[in-house]
PDB file of N, CA and C in Angstrom:
ATOM      1  N   MET A   1       5.347   7.073 -15.909  1.00  0.00           N
ATOM      2  CA  MET A   1       4.360   6.687 -14.920  1.00  0.00           C
ATOM      3  C   MET A   1       3.840   7.940 -14.223  1.00  0.00           C
ATOM      4  N   TYR A   2       2.527   8.024 -14.107  1.00  0.00           N
ATOM      5  CA  TYR A   2       1.869   9.148 -13.450  1.00  0.00           C
ATOM      6  C   TYR A   2       1.180   8.669 -12.188  1.00  0.00           C
ATOM      7  N   THR A   3       0.893   9.599 -11.296  1.00  0.00           N
ATOM      8  CA  THR A   3       0.134   9.268 -10.099  1.00  0.00           C
ATOM      9  C   THR A   3      -1.197  10.004 -10.127  1.00  0.00           C
ATOM     10  N   ALA A   4      -2.224   9.340  -9.614  1.00  0.00           N
ATOM     11  CA  ALA A   4      -3.557   9.921  -9.558  1.00  0.00           C
ATOM     12  C   ALA A   4      -4.197   9.563  -8.230  1.00  0.00           C
ATOM     13  N   ILE A   5      -5.025  10.456  -7.742  1.00  0.00           N
ATOM     14  CA  ILE A   5      -5.889  10.142  -6.609  1.00  0.00           C
ATOM     15  C   ILE A   5      -7.316  10.182  -7.125  1.00  0.00           C
ATOM     16  N   PHE A   6      -8.049   9.116  -6.863  1.00  0.00           N
ATOM     17  CA  PHE A   6      -9.486   9.109  -7.135  1.00  0.00           C
ATOM     18  C   PHE A   6     -10.199   9.244  -5.803  1.00  0.00           C
ATOM     19  N   ALA A   7     -11.130  10.179  -5.715  1.00  0.00           N
ATOM     20  CA  ALA A   7     -11.931  10.367  -4.511  1.00  0.00           C
ATOM     21  C   ALA A   7     -13.397  10.139  -4.865  1.00  0.00           C
ATOM     22  N   GLY A   8     -13.995   9.144  -4.251  1.00  0.00           N
ATOM     23  CA  GLY A   8     -15.398   8.849  -4.498  1.00  0.00           C
ATOM     24  C   GLY A   8     -15.870   7.674  -3.666  1.00  0.00           C
ATOM     25  N   ARG A   9     -17.168   7.653  -3.367  1.00  0.00           N
ATOM     26  CA  ARG A   9     -17.737   6.616  -2.507  1.00  0.00           C
ATOM     27  C   ARG A   9     -18.205   5.387  -3.263  1.00  0.00           C
ATOM     28  N   ASP A  10     -18.429   5.490  -4.546  1.00  0.00           N
ATOM     29  CA  ASP A  10     -18.951   4.383  -5.343  1.00  0.00           C
ATOM     30  C   ASP A  10     -17.855   3.348  -5.577  1.00  0.00           C
ATOM     31  N   GLY A  11     -18.002   2.186  -4.946  1.00  0.00           N
ATOM     32  CA  GLY A  11     -16.978   1.147  -5.036  1.00  0.00           C
ATOM     33  C   GLY A  11     -16.758   0.621  -6.440  1.00  0.00           C
ATOM     34  N   ARG A  12     -17.830   0.469  -7.203  1.00  0.00           N
ATOM     35  CA  ARG A  12     -17.676  -0.023  -8.576  1.00  0.00           C
ATOM     36  C   ARG A  12     -16.950   1.003  -9.443  1.00  0.00           C
ATOM     37  N   LEU A  13     -17.332   2.269  -9.309  1.00  0.00           N
ATOM     38  CA  LEU A  13     -16.651   3.321 -10.063  1.00  0.00           C
ATOM     39  C   LEU A  13     -15.182   3.372  -9.683  1.00  0.00           C
ATOM     40  N   ARG A  14     -14.902   3.243  -8.401  1.00  0.00           N
ATOM     41  CA  ARG A  14     -13.513   3.235  -7.928  1.00  0.00           C
ATOM     42  C   ARG A  14     -12.728   2.107  -8.586  1.00  0.00           C
ATOM     43  N   SER A  15     -13.302   0.918  -8.597  1.00  0.00           N
ATOM     44  CA  SER A  15     -12.625  -0.236  -9.213  1.00  0.00           C
ATOM     45  C   SER A  15     -12.401  -0.023 -10.702  1.00  0.00           C
ATOM     46  N   ASP A  16     -13.419   0.509 -11.388  1.00  0.00           N
ATOM     47  CA  ASP A  16     -13.297   0.749 -12.829  1.00  0.00           C
ATOM     48  C   ASP A  16     -12.215   1.773 -13.143  1.00  0.00           C
ATOM     49  N   ILE A  17     -12.169   2.842 -12.364  1.00  0.00           N
ATOM     50  CA  ILE A  17     -11.172   3.887 -12.601  1.00  0.00           C
ATOM     51  C   ILE A  17      -9.774   3.388 -12.262  1.00  0.00           C
ATOM     52  N   GLU A  18      -9.634   2.662 -11.159  1.00  0.00           N
ATOM     53  CA  GLU A  18      -8.331   2.099 -10.813  1.00  0.00           C
ATOM     54  C   GLU A  18      -7.837   1.161 -11.908  1.00  0.00           C
ATOM     55  N   ALA A  19      -8.737   0.346 -12.458  1.00  0.00           N
ATOM     56  CA  ALA A  19      -8.351  -0.593 -13.519  1.00  0.00           C
ATOM     57  C   ALA A  19      -7.966   0.147 -14.791  1.00  0.00           C
ATOM     58  N   GLU A  20      -8.768   1.103 -15.213  1.00  0.00           N
ATOM     59  CA  GLU A  20      -8.509   1.824 -16.470  1.00  0.00           C
ATOM     60  C   GLU A  20      -7.240   2.656 -16.398  1.00  0.00           C
ATOM     61  N   LEU A  21      -7.122   3.451 -15.361  1.00  0.00           N
ATOM     62  CA  LEU A  21      -5.927   4.296 -15.249  1.00  0.00           C
ATOM     63  C   LEU A  21      -4.701   3.456 -14.902  1.00  0.00           C
ATOM     64  N   GLY A  22      -4.889   2.467 -14.032  1.00  0.00           N
ATOM     65  CA  GLY A  22      -3.773   1.625 -13.622  1.00  0.00           C
ATOM     66  C   GLY A  22      -3.169   0.830 -14.765  1.00  0.00           C
ATOM     67  N   ALA A  23      -3.991   0.430 -15.719  1.00  0.00           N
ATOM     68  CA  ALA A  23      -3.499  -0.335 -16.871  1.00  0.00           C
ATOM     69  C   ALA A  23      -2.886   0.566 -17.937  1.00  0.00           C
ATOM     70  N   ASN A  24      -2.944   1.861 -17.721  1.00  0.00           N
ATOM     71  CA  ASN A  24      -2.497   2.796 -18.752  1.00  0.00           C
ATOM     72  C   ASN A  24      -1.574   3.882 -18.211  1.00  0.00           C
ATOM     73  N   GLY A  25      -0.651   3.489 -17.346  1.00  0.00           N
ATOM     74  CA  GLY A  25       0.408   4.412 -16.957  1.00  0.00           C
ATOM     75  C   GLY A  25       0.207   5.196 -15.686  1.00  0.00           C
ATOM     76  N   PHE A  26      -0.813   4.878 -14.896  1.00  0.00           N
ATOM     77  CA  PHE A  26      -1.052   5.596 -13.648  1.00  0.00           C
ATOM     78  C   PHE A  26      -0.916   4.663 -12.455  1.00  0.00           C
ATOM     79  N   VAL A  27      -0.381   5.186 -11.385  1.00  0.00           N
ATOM     80  CA  VAL A  27      -0.485   4.553 -10.079  1.00  0.00           C
ATOM     81  C   VAL A  27      -1.620   5.299  -9.384  1.00  0.00           C
ATOM     82  N   VAL A  28      -2.678   4.569  -9.044  1.00  0.00           N
ATOM     83  CA  VAL A  28      -3.890   5.199  -8.524  1.00  0.00           C
ATOM     84  C   VAL A  28      -4.038   4.920  -7.034  1.00  0.00           C
ATOM     85  N   THR A  29      -4.279   5.980  -6.293  1.00  0.00           N
ATOM     86  CA  THR A  29      -4.636   5.884  -4.879  1.00  0.00           C
ATOM     87  C   THR A  29      -6.102   6.281  -4.786  1.00  0.00           C
ATOM     88  N   ALA A  30      -6.902   5.470  -4.099  1.00  0.00           N
ATOM     89  CA  ALA A  30      -8.334   5.762  -3.976  1.00  0.00           C
ATOM     90  C   ALA A  30      -8.678   6.097  -2.529  1.00  0.00           C
ATOM     91  N   VAL A  31      -9.509   7.109  -2.373  1.00  0.00           N
ATOM     92  CA  VAL A  31     -10.053   7.485  -1.068  1.00  0.00           C
ATOM     93  C   VAL A  31     -11.559   7.630  -1.227  1.00  0.00           C
ATOM     94  N   SER A  32     -12.279   7.535  -0.109  1.00  0.00           N
ATOM     95  CA  SER A  32     -13.731   7.542  -0.222  1.00  0.00           C
ATOM     96  C   SER A  32     -14.407   8.774   0.361  1.00  0.00           C
ATOM     97  N   CYS A  33     -13.649   9.677   0.967  1.00  0.00           N
ATOM     98  CA  CYS A  33     -14.271  10.878   1.533  1.00  0.00           C
ATOM     99  C   CYS A  33     -13.319  12.071   1.405  1.00  0.00           C
ATOM    100  N   GLY A  34     -13.860  13.241   1.586  1.00  0.00           N
ATOM    101  CA  GLY A  34     -13.087  14.461   1.451  1.00  0.00           C
ATOM    102  C   GLY A  34     -11.970  14.575   2.469  1.00  0.00           C
ATOM    103  N   ARG A  35     -12.237  14.151   3.703  1.00  0.00           N
ATOM    104  CA  ARG A  35     -11.214  14.206   4.743  1.00  0.00           C
ATOM    105  C   ARG A  35      -9.992  13.381   4.343  1.00  0.00           C
ATOM    106  N   ASP A  36     -10.243  12.178   3.830  1.00  0.00           N
ATOM    107  CA  ASP A  36      -9.130  11.322   3.403  1.00  0.00           C
ATOM    108  C   ASP A  36      -8.407  11.915   2.193  1.00  0.00           C
ATOM    109  N   LEU A  37      -9.140  12.545   1.306  1.00  0.00           N
ATOM    110  CA  LEU A  37      -8.526  13.186   0.137  1.00  0.00           C
ATOM    111  C   LEU A  37      -7.542  14.256   0.586  1.00  0.00           C
ATOM    112  N   ILE A  38      -7.972  15.102   1.493  1.00  0.00           N
ATOM    113  CA  ILE A  38      -7.124  16.201   1.948  1.00  0.00           C
ATOM    114  C   ILE A  38      -5.894  15.670   2.684  1.00  0.00           C
ATOM    115  N   GLN A  39      -6.056  14.621   3.474  1.00  0.00           N
ATOM    116  CA  GLN A  39      -4.910  14.029   4.168  1.00  0.00           C
ATOM    117  C   GLN A  39      -3.950  13.360   3.196  1.00  0.00           C
ATOM    118  N   ARG A  40      -4.494  12.610   2.240  1.00  0.00           N
ATOM    119  CA  ARG A  40      -3.652  11.824   1.331  1.00  0.00           C
ATOM    120  C   ARG A  40      -2.917  12.699   0.327  1.00  0.00           C
ATOM    121  N   ILE A  41      -3.534  13.781  -0.106  1.00  0.00           N
ATOM    122  CA  ILE A  41      -2.908  14.601  -1.147  1.00  0.00           C
ATOM    123  C   ILE A  41      -1.595  15.205  -0.662  1.00  0.00           C
ATOM    124  N   GLY A  42      -1.487  15.439   0.633  1.00  0.00           N
ATOM    125  CA  GLY A  42      -0.235  15.962   1.172  1.00  0.00           C
ATOM    126  C   GLY A  42       0.894  14.957   1.116  1.00  0.00           C
ATOM    127  N   ARG A  43       0.561  13.668   1.152  1.00  0.00           N
ATOM    128  CA  ARG A  43       1.579  12.620   1.132  1.00  0.00           C
ATOM    129  C   ARG A  43       1.892  12.133  -0.269  1.00  0.00           C
ATOM    130  N   VAL A  44       0.884  12.068  -1.128  1.00  0.00           N
ATOM    131  CA  VAL A  44       1.052  11.452  -2.447  1.00  0.00           C
ATOM    132  C   VAL A  44       1.509  12.451  -3.501  1.00  0.00           C
ATOM    133  N   ARG A  45       1.038  13.695  -3.448  1.00  0.00           N
ATOM    134  CA  ARG A  45       1.333  14.711  -4.471  1.00  0.00           C
ATOM    135  C   ARG A  45       1.093  14.167  -5.871  1.00  0.00           C
ATOM    136  N   PRO A  46      -0.166  13.932  -6.210  1.00  0.00           N
ATOM    137  CA  PRO A  46      -0.489  13.305  -7.493  1.00  0.00           C
ATOM    138  C   PRO A  46      -0.278  14.239  -8.674  1.00  0.00           C
ATOM    139  N   ASP A  47      -0.199  13.635  -9.850  1.00  0.00           N
ATOM    140  CA  ASP A  47      -0.143  14.406 -11.091  1.00  0.00           C
ATOM    141  C   ASP A  47      -1.530  14.873 -11.503  1.00  0.00           C
ATOM    142  N   VAL A  48      -2.573  14.169 -11.032  1.00  0.00           N
ATOM    143  CA  VAL A  48      -3.944  14.541 -11.358  1.00  0.00           C
ATOM    144  C   VAL A  48      -4.883  13.991 -10.283  1.00  0.00           C
ATOM    145  N   LEU A  49      -5.955  14.739 -10.042  1.00  0.00           N
ATOM    146  CA  LEU A  49      -7.030  14.309  -9.144  1.00  0.00           C
ATOM    147  C   LEU A  49      -8.261  13.992  -9.976  1.00  0.00           C
ATOM    148  N   VAL A  50      -8.973  12.948  -9.594  1.00  0.00           N
ATOM    149  CA  VAL A  50     -10.280  12.641 -10.175  1.00  0.00           C
ATOM    150  C   VAL A  50     -11.237  12.592  -8.994  1.00  0.00           C
ATOM    151  N   VAL A  51     -12.190  13.532  -8.959  1.00  0.00           N
ATOM    152  CA  VAL A  51     -13.033  13.707  -7.783  1.00  0.00           C
ATOM    153  C   VAL A  51     -14.503  13.565  -8.169  1.00  0.00           C
ATOM    154  N   ALA A  52     -15.181  12.626  -7.516  1.00  0.00           N
ATOM    155  CA  ALA A  52     -16.630  12.463  -7.714  1.00  0.00           C
ATOM    156  C   ALA A  52     -17.350  13.606  -7.024  1.00  0.00           C
ATOM    157  N   ASP A  53     -18.588  13.833  -7.427  1.00  0.00           N
ATOM    158  CA  ASP A  53     -19.306  14.986  -6.896  1.00  0.00           C
ATOM    159  C   ASP A  53     -19.811  14.791  -5.470  1.00  0.00           C
ATOM    160  N   ASP A  54     -19.922  13.564  -4.985  1.00  0.00           N
ATOM    161  CA  ASP A  54     -20.408  13.327  -3.629  1.00  0.00           C
ATOM    162  C   ASP A  54     -19.390  12.481  -2.880  1.00  0.00           C
ATOM    163  N   LEU A  55     -18.757  13.091  -1.895  1.00  0.00           N
ATOM    164  CA  LEU A  55     -17.760  12.384  -1.101  1.00  0.00           C
ATOM    165  C   LEU A  55     -18.284  12.032   0.284  1.00  0.00           C
ATOM    166  N   GLY A  56     -19.559  12.245   0.514  1.00  0.00           N
ATOM    167  CA  GLY A  56     -20.155  11.930   1.806  1.00  0.00           C
ATOM    168  C   GLY A  56     -20.026  13.066   2.791  1.00  0.00           C
ATOM    169  N   ASP A  57     -18.810  13.414   3.151  1.00  0.00           N
ATOM    170  CA  ASP A  57     -18.598  14.475   4.133  1.00  0.00           C
ATOM    171  C   ASP A  57     -18.468  15.856   3.506  1.00  0.00           C
ATOM    172  N   ILE A  58     -18.338  15.911   2.183  1.00  0.00           N
ATOM    173  CA  ILE A  58     -18.216  17.188   1.478  1.00  0.00           C
ATOM    174  C   ILE A  58     -18.570  16.949   0.005  1.00  0.00           C
ATOM    175  N   ALA A  59     -19.095  17.958  -0.614  1.00  0.00           N
ATOM    176  CA  ALA A  59     -19.367  17.855  -2.050  1.00  0.00           C
ATOM    177  C   ALA A  59     -18.041  17.917  -2.806  1.00  0.00           C
ATOM    178  N   GLY A  60     -17.954  17.196  -3.901  1.00  0.00           N
ATOM    179  CA  GLY A  60     -16.732  17.186  -4.702  1.00  0.00           C
ATOM    180  C   GLY A  60     -16.320  18.578  -5.148  1.00  0.00           C
ATOM    181  N   VAL A  61     -17.293  19.397  -5.528  1.00  0.00           N
ATOM    182  CA  VAL A  61     -16.987  20.755  -5.974  1.00  0.00           C
ATOM    183  C   VAL A  61     -16.388  21.570  -4.828  1.00  0.00           C
ATOM    184  N   ASP A  62     -16.859  21.347  -3.602  1.00  0.00           N
ATOM    185  CA  ASP A  62     -16.302  22.060  -2.451  1.00  0.00           C
ATOM    186  C   ASP A  62     -14.895  21.563  -2.114  1.00  0.00           C
ATOM    187  N   ALA A  63     -14.665  20.255  -2.257  1.00  0.00           N
ATOM    188  CA  ALA A  63     -13.322  19.715  -2.042  1.00  0.00           C
ATOM    189  C   ALA A  63     -12.341  20.320  -3.044  1.00  0.00           C
ATOM    190  N   CYS A  64     -12.771  20.412  -4.293  1.00  0.00           N
ATOM    191  CA  CYS A  64     -11.940  21.016  -5.334  1.00  0.00           C
ATOM    192  C   CYS A  64     -11.621  22.469  -4.974  1.00  0.00           C
ATOM    193  N   ARG A  65     -12.627  23.205  -4.559  1.00  0.00           N
ATOM    194  CA  ARG A  65     -12.439  24.602  -4.191  1.00  0.00           C
ATOM    195  C   ARG A  65     -11.425  24.744  -3.045  1.00  0.00           C
ATOM    196  N   LEU A  66     -11.547  23.907  -2.018  1.00  0.00           N
ATOM    197  CA  LEU A  66     -10.615  23.961  -0.889  1.00  0.00           C
ATOM    198  C   LEU A  66      -9.183  23.673  -1.326  1.00  0.00           C
ATOM    199  N   LEU A  67      -9.015  22.650  -2.146  1.00  0.00           N
ATOM    200  CA  LEU A  67      -7.670  22.283  -2.595  1.00  0.00           C
ATOM    201  C   LEU A  67      -7.054  23.356  -3.488  1.00  0.00           C
ATOM    202  N   LYS A  68      -7.854  23.949  -4.334  1.00  0.00           N
ATOM    203  CA  LYS A  68      -7.332  24.967  -5.246  1.00  0.00           C
ATOM    204  C   LYS A  68      -6.971  26.261  -4.529  1.00  0.00           C
ATOM    205  N   ARG A  69      -7.443  26.432  -3.302  1.00  0.00           N
ATOM    206  CA  ARG A  69      -7.090  27.617  -2.515  1.00  0.00           C
ATOM    207  C   ARG A  69      -5.759  27.461  -1.786  1.00  0.00           C
ATOM    208  N   ARG A  70      -5.269  26.242  -1.683  1.00  0.00           N
ATOM    209  CA  ARG A  70      -3.998  25.991  -0.989  1.00  0.00           C
ATOM    210  C   ARG A  70      -2.840  26.194  -1.956  1.00  0.00           C
ATOM    211  N   ALA A  71      -1.908  27.013  -1.546  1.00  0.00           N
ATOM    212  CA  ALA A  71      -0.798  27.404  -2.427  1.00  0.00           C
ATOM    213  C   ALA A  71      -0.051  26.206  -2.998  1.00  0.00           C
ATOM    214  N   GLY A  72       0.259  25.217  -2.205  1.00  0.00           N
ATOM    215  CA  GLY A  72       1.029  24.084  -2.681  1.00  0.00           C
ATOM    216  C   GLY A  72       0.238  23.079  -3.489  1.00  0.00           C
ATOM    217  N   LEU A  73      -1.081  23.237  -3.523  1.00  0.00           N
ATOM    218  CA  LEU A  73      -1.929  22.253  -4.191  1.00  0.00           C
ATOM    219  C   LEU A  73      -2.673  22.790  -5.404  1.00  0.00           C
ATOM    220  N   LYS A  74      -2.721  24.089  -5.565  1.00  0.00           N
ATOM    221  CA  LYS A  74      -3.578  24.656  -6.598  1.00  0.00           C
ATOM    222  C   LYS A  74      -3.150  24.321  -8.019  1.00  0.00           C
ATOM    223  N   ARG A  75      -1.926  23.882  -8.204  1.00  0.00           N
ATOM    224  CA  ARG A  75      -1.469  23.534  -9.557  1.00  0.00           C
ATOM    225  C   ARG A  75      -1.735  22.077  -9.924  1.00  0.00           C
ATOM    226  N   ILE A  76      -2.233  21.290  -8.987  1.00  0.00           N
ATOM    227  CA  ILE A  76      -2.564  19.891  -9.287  1.00  0.00           C
ATOM    228  C   ILE A  76      -3.875  19.877 -10.059  1.00  0.00           C
ATOM    229  N   PRO A  77      -3.872  19.349 -11.280  1.00  0.00           N
ATOM    230  CA  PRO A  77      -5.099  19.344 -12.081  1.00  0.00           C
ATOM    231  C   PRO A  77      -6.179  18.469 -11.458  1.00  0.00           C
ATOM    232  N   CYS A  78      -7.413  18.914 -11.600  1.00  0.00           N
ATOM    233  CA  CYS A  78      -8.558  18.220 -11.017  1.00  0.00           C
ATOM    234  C   CYS A  78      -9.628  17.985 -12.073  1.00  0.00           C
ATOM    235  N   VAL A  79     -10.039  16.725 -12.221  1.00  0.00           N
ATOM    236  CA  VAL A  79     -11.182  16.361 -13.062  1.00  0.00           C
ATOM    237  C   VAL A  79     -12.328  16.070 -12.116  1.00  0.00           C
ATOM    238  N   LEU A  80     -13.406  16.819 -12.243  1.00  0.00           N
ATOM    239  CA  LEU A  80     -14.574  16.611 -11.403  1.00  0.00           C
ATOM    240  C   LEU A  80     -15.592  15.772 -12.166  1.00  0.00           C
ATOM    241  N   LEU A  81     -16.106  14.733 -11.522  1.00  0.00           N
ATOM    242  CA  LEU A  81     -17.123  13.874 -12.116  1.00  0.00           C
ATOM    243  C   LEU A  81     -18.480  14.328 -11.601  1.00  0.00           C
ATOM    244  N   ALA A  82     -19.261  14.943 -12.470  1.00  0.00           N
ATOM    245  CA  ALA A  82     -20.551  15.520 -12.090  1.00  0.00           C
ATOM    246  C   ALA A  82     -21.677  14.542 -12.392  1.00  0.00           C
ATOM    247  N   SER A  83     -22.593  14.390 -11.444  1.00  0.00           N
ATOM    248  CA  SER A  83     -23.716  13.487 -11.683  1.00  0.00           C
ATOM    249  C   SER A  83     -24.789  14.148 -12.524  1.00  0.00           C
ATOM    250  N   ALA A  84     -24.799  15.464 -12.574  1.00  0.00           N
ATOM    251  CA  ALA A  84     -25.791  16.189 -13.376  1.00  0.00           C
ATOM    252  C   ALA A  84     -25.121  16.760 -14.625  1.00  0.00           C
ATOM    253  N   PRO A  85     -25.650  16.431 -15.800  1.00  0.00           N
ATOM    254  CA  PRO A  85     -25.037  16.951 -17.024  1.00  0.00           C
ATOM    255  C   PRO A  85     -25.394  18.412 -17.307  1.00  0.00           C
ATOM    256  N   ALA A  86     -26.199  19.018 -16.457  1.00  0.00           N
ATOM    257  CA  ALA A  86     -26.654  20.378 -16.692  1.00  0.00           C
ATOM    258  C   ALA A  86     -25.491  21.373 -16.690  1.00  0.00           C
ATOM    259  N   PHE A  87     -25.673  22.418 -17.457  1.00  0.00           N
ATOM    260  CA  PHE A  87     -24.659  23.466 -17.558  1.00  0.00           C
ATOM    261  C   PHE A  87     -24.305  24.023 -16.186  1.00  0.00           C
ATOM    262  N   GLU A  88     -25.285  24.175 -15.310  1.00  0.00           N
ATOM    263  CA  GLU A  88     -25.047  24.770 -14.003  1.00  0.00           C
ATOM    264  C   GLU A  88     -24.042  23.956 -13.189  1.00  0.00           C
ATOM    265  N   ALA A  89     -24.136  22.635 -13.268  1.00  0.00           N
ATOM    266  CA  ALA A  89     -23.199  21.770 -12.529  1.00  0.00           C
ATOM    267  C   ALA A  89     -21.790  21.919 -13.076  1.00  0.00           C
ATOM    268  N   ARG A  90     -21.658  21.965 -14.386  1.00  0.00           N
ATOM    269  CA  ARG A  90     -20.334  22.135 -14.996  1.00  0.00           C
ATOM    270  C   ARG A  90     -19.777  23.516 -14.676  1.00  0.00           C
ATOM    271  N   ALA A  91     -20.625  24.537 -14.742  1.00  0.00           N
ATOM    272  CA  ALA A  91     -20.174  25.899 -14.439  1.00  0.00           C
ATOM    273  C   ALA A  91     -19.699  25.997 -12.992  1.00  0.00           C
ATOM    274  N   ALA A  92     -20.423  25.390 -12.065  1.00  0.00           N
ATOM    275  CA  ALA A  92     -20.020  25.417 -10.655  1.00  0.00           C
ATOM    276  C   ALA A  92     -18.672  24.730 -10.471  1.00  0.00           C
ATOM    277  N   ALA A  93     -18.448  23.646 -11.195  1.00  0.00           N
ATOM    278  CA  ALA A  93     -17.173  22.932 -11.099  1.00  0.00           C
ATOM    279  C   ALA A  93     -16.020  23.801 -11.593  1.00  0.00           C
ATOM    280  N   PHE A  94     -16.212  24.452 -12.723  1.00  0.00           N
ATOM    281  CA  PHE A  94     -15.152  25.316 -13.250  1.00  0.00           C
ATOM    282  C   PHE A  94     -14.921  26.520 -12.344  1.00  0.00           C
ATOM    283  N   GLU A  95     -15.990  27.072 -11.775  1.00  0.00           N
ATOM    284  CA  GLU A  95     -15.833  28.196 -10.848  1.00  0.00           C
ATOM    285  C   GLU A  95     -15.069  27.785  -9.595  1.00  0.00           C
ATOM    286  N   ALA A  96     -15.183  26.517  -9.214  1.00  0.00           N
ATOM    287  CA  ALA A  96     -14.466  26.010  -8.040  1.00  0.00           C
ATOM    288  C   ALA A  96     -13.001  25.718  -8.337  1.00  0.00           C
ATOM    289  N   GLY A  97     -12.628  25.772  -9.606  1.00  0.00           N
ATOM    290  CA  GLY A  97     -11.229  25.551  -9.968  1.00  0.00           C
ATOM    291  C   GLY A  97     -10.953  24.251 -10.682  1.00  0.00           C
ATOM    292  N   ALA A  98     -11.989  23.459 -10.983  1.00  0.00           N
ATOM    293  CA  ALA A  98     -11.769  22.206 -11.706  1.00  0.00           C
ATOM    294  C   ALA A  98     -11.139  22.513 -13.062  1.00  0.00           C
ATOM    295  N   ASP A  99     -10.220  21.669 -13.467  1.00  0.00           N
ATOM    296  CA  ASP A  99      -9.563  21.838 -14.761  1.00  0.00           C
ATOM    297  C   ASP A  99     -10.341  21.158 -15.875  1.00  0.00           C
ATOM    298  N   ASP A 100     -11.193  20.214 -15.499  1.00  0.00           N
ATOM    299  CA  ASP A 100     -12.024  19.507 -16.467  1.00  0.00           C
ATOM    300  C   ASP A 100     -13.222  18.935 -15.726  1.00  0.00           C
ATOM    301  N   VAL A 101     -14.298  18.691 -16.462  1.00  0.00           N
ATOM    302  CA  VAL A 101     -15.526  18.136 -15.890  1.00  0.00           C
ATOM    303  C   VAL A 101     -16.059  17.079 -16.831  1.00  0.00           C
ATOM    304  N   LEU A 102     -16.430  15.941 -16.258  1.00  0.00           N
ATOM    305  CA  LEU A 102     -17.107  14.891 -17.017  1.00  0.00           C
ATOM    306  C   LEU A 102     -18.437  14.612 -16.336  1.00  0.00           C
ATOM    307  N   ALA A 103     -19.508  14.586 -17.120  1.00  0.00           N
ATOM    308  CA  ALA A 103     -20.820  14.269 -16.574  1.00  0.00           C
ATOM    309  C   ALA A 103     -21.035  12.761 -16.612  1.00  0.00           C
ATOM    310  N   LYS A 104     -21.576  12.227 -15.537  1.00  0.00           N
ATOM    311  CA  LYS A 104     -21.904  10.809 -15.477  1.00  0.00           C
ATOM    312  C   LYS A 104     -23.170  10.555 -16.288  1.00  0.00           C
ATOM    313  N   PRO A 105     -23.275   9.459 -16.959  1.00  0.00           N
ATOM    314  CA  PRO A 105     -22.250   8.442 -17.155  1.00  0.00           C
ATOM    315  C   PRO A 105     -21.226   8.922 -18.188  1.00  0.00           C
ATOM    316  N   PHE A 106     -20.011   8.470 -18.050  1.00  0.00           N
ATOM    317  CA  PHE A 106     -18.947   8.859 -18.963  1.00  0.00           C
ATOM    318  C   PHE A 106     -18.201   7.613 -19.390  1.00  0.00           C
ATOM    319  N   ASP A 107     -17.419   7.748 -20.433  1.00  0.00           N
ATOM    320  CA  ASP A 107     -16.626   6.641 -20.939  1.00  0.00           C
ATOM    321  C   ASP A 107     -15.266   6.655 -20.248  1.00  0.00           C
ATOM    322  N   LEU A 108     -14.818   5.508 -19.768  1.00  0.00           N
ATOM    323  CA  LEU A 108     -13.534   5.438 -19.071  1.00  0.00           C
ATOM    324  C   LEU A 108     -12.361   5.819 -19.962  1.00  0.00           C
ATOM    325  N   LEU A 109     -12.457   5.515 -21.246  1.00  0.00           N
ATOM    326  CA  LEU A 109     -11.403   5.925 -22.180  1.00  0.00           C
ATOM    327  C   LEU A 109     -11.302   7.444 -22.217  1.00  0.00           C
ATOM    328  N   GLU A 110     -12.431   8.117 -22.251  1.00  0.00           N
ATOM    329  CA  GLU A 110     -12.414   9.578 -22.258  1.00  0.00           C
ATOM    330  C   GLU A 110     -11.796  10.119 -20.974  1.00  0.00           C
ATOM    331  N   LEU A 111     -12.135   9.532 -19.839  1.00  0.00           N
ATOM    332  CA  LEU A 111     -11.535   9.959 -18.579  1.00  0.00           C
ATOM    333  C   LEU A 111     -10.024   9.760 -18.623  1.00  0.00           C
ATOM    334  N   ARG A 112      -9.581   8.602 -19.100  1.00  0.00           N
ATOM    335  CA  ARG A 112      -8.138   8.329 -19.176  1.00  0.00           C
ATOM    336  C   ARG A 112      -7.433   9.351 -20.051  1.00  0.00           C
ATOM    337  N   LEU A 113      -8.002   9.652 -21.216  1.00  0.00           N
ATOM    338  CA  LEU A 113      -7.371  10.605 -22.123  1.00  0.00           C
ATOM    339  C   LEU A 113      -7.307  12.008 -21.515  1.00  0.00           C
ATOM    340  N   ARG A 114      -8.355  12.386 -20.836  1.00  0.00           N
ATOM    341  CA  ARG A 114      -8.362  13.714 -20.186  1.00  0.00           C
ATOM    342  C   ARG A 114      -7.351  13.753 -19.041  1.00  0.00           C
ATOM    343  N   ALA A 115      -7.286  12.680 -18.266  1.00  0.00           N
ATOM    344  CA  ALA A 115      -6.323  12.633 -17.159  1.00  0.00           C
ATOM    345  C   ALA A 115      -4.885  12.665 -17.679  1.00  0.00           C
ATOM    346  N   LEU A 116      -4.618  11.935 -18.756  1.00  0.00           N
ATOM    347  CA  LEU A 116      -3.282  11.970 -19.353  1.00  0.00           C
ATOM    348  C   LEU A 116      -2.919  13.375 -19.839  1.00  0.00           C
ATOM    349  N   ARG A 117      -3.864  14.023 -20.500  1.00  0.00           N
ATOM    350  CA  ARG A 117      -3.619  15.376 -21.003  1.00  0.00           C
ATOM    351  C   ARG A 117      -3.266  16.313 -19.859  1.00  0.00           C
ATOM    352  N   LEU A 118      -3.974  16.204 -18.750  1.00  0.00           N
ATOM    353  CA  LEU A 118      -3.728  17.099 -17.625  1.00  0.00           C
ATOM    354  C   LEU A 118      -2.452  16.742 -16.861  1.00  0.00           C
ATOM    355  N   ALA A 119      -2.109  15.455 -16.810  1.00  0.00           N
ATOM    356  CA  ALA A 119      -0.939  15.021 -16.041  1.00  0.00           C
ATOM    357  C   ALA A 119       0.375  15.391 -16.712  1.00  0.00           C
ATOM    358  N   ARG A 120       0.356  15.601 -18.007  1.00  0.00           N
ATOM    359  CA  ARG A 120       1.605  15.885 -18.735  1.00  0.00           C
ATOM    360  C   ARG A 120       2.155  17.253 -18.453  1.00  0.00           C
TER     361      ARG A 120
END
């Protein structure tokens, strides 16, 4: 059993990710903003993070960058969900420390497989 935190404001996406990962070996905690992500990650210590690009109070890429700068958190793998498939968006995500990037729309099976690979 693995643990994951999903951070994103889209309720349908949250439900889909919780269902897909939850049915396949993950206990998923969902938060809707960057502030909640930063607070929750200290308590949950997930095996993987899945972060949408817009968290309302902070961009997903900036949240990833902040977390990767913290000594106790930088080893937690992060999958960033980018709304723009352009190379620049993916490059910015990797520069911020993301371990993987998926451009929306994406297949939930692909997200699950990538999250499993990173959580192991």
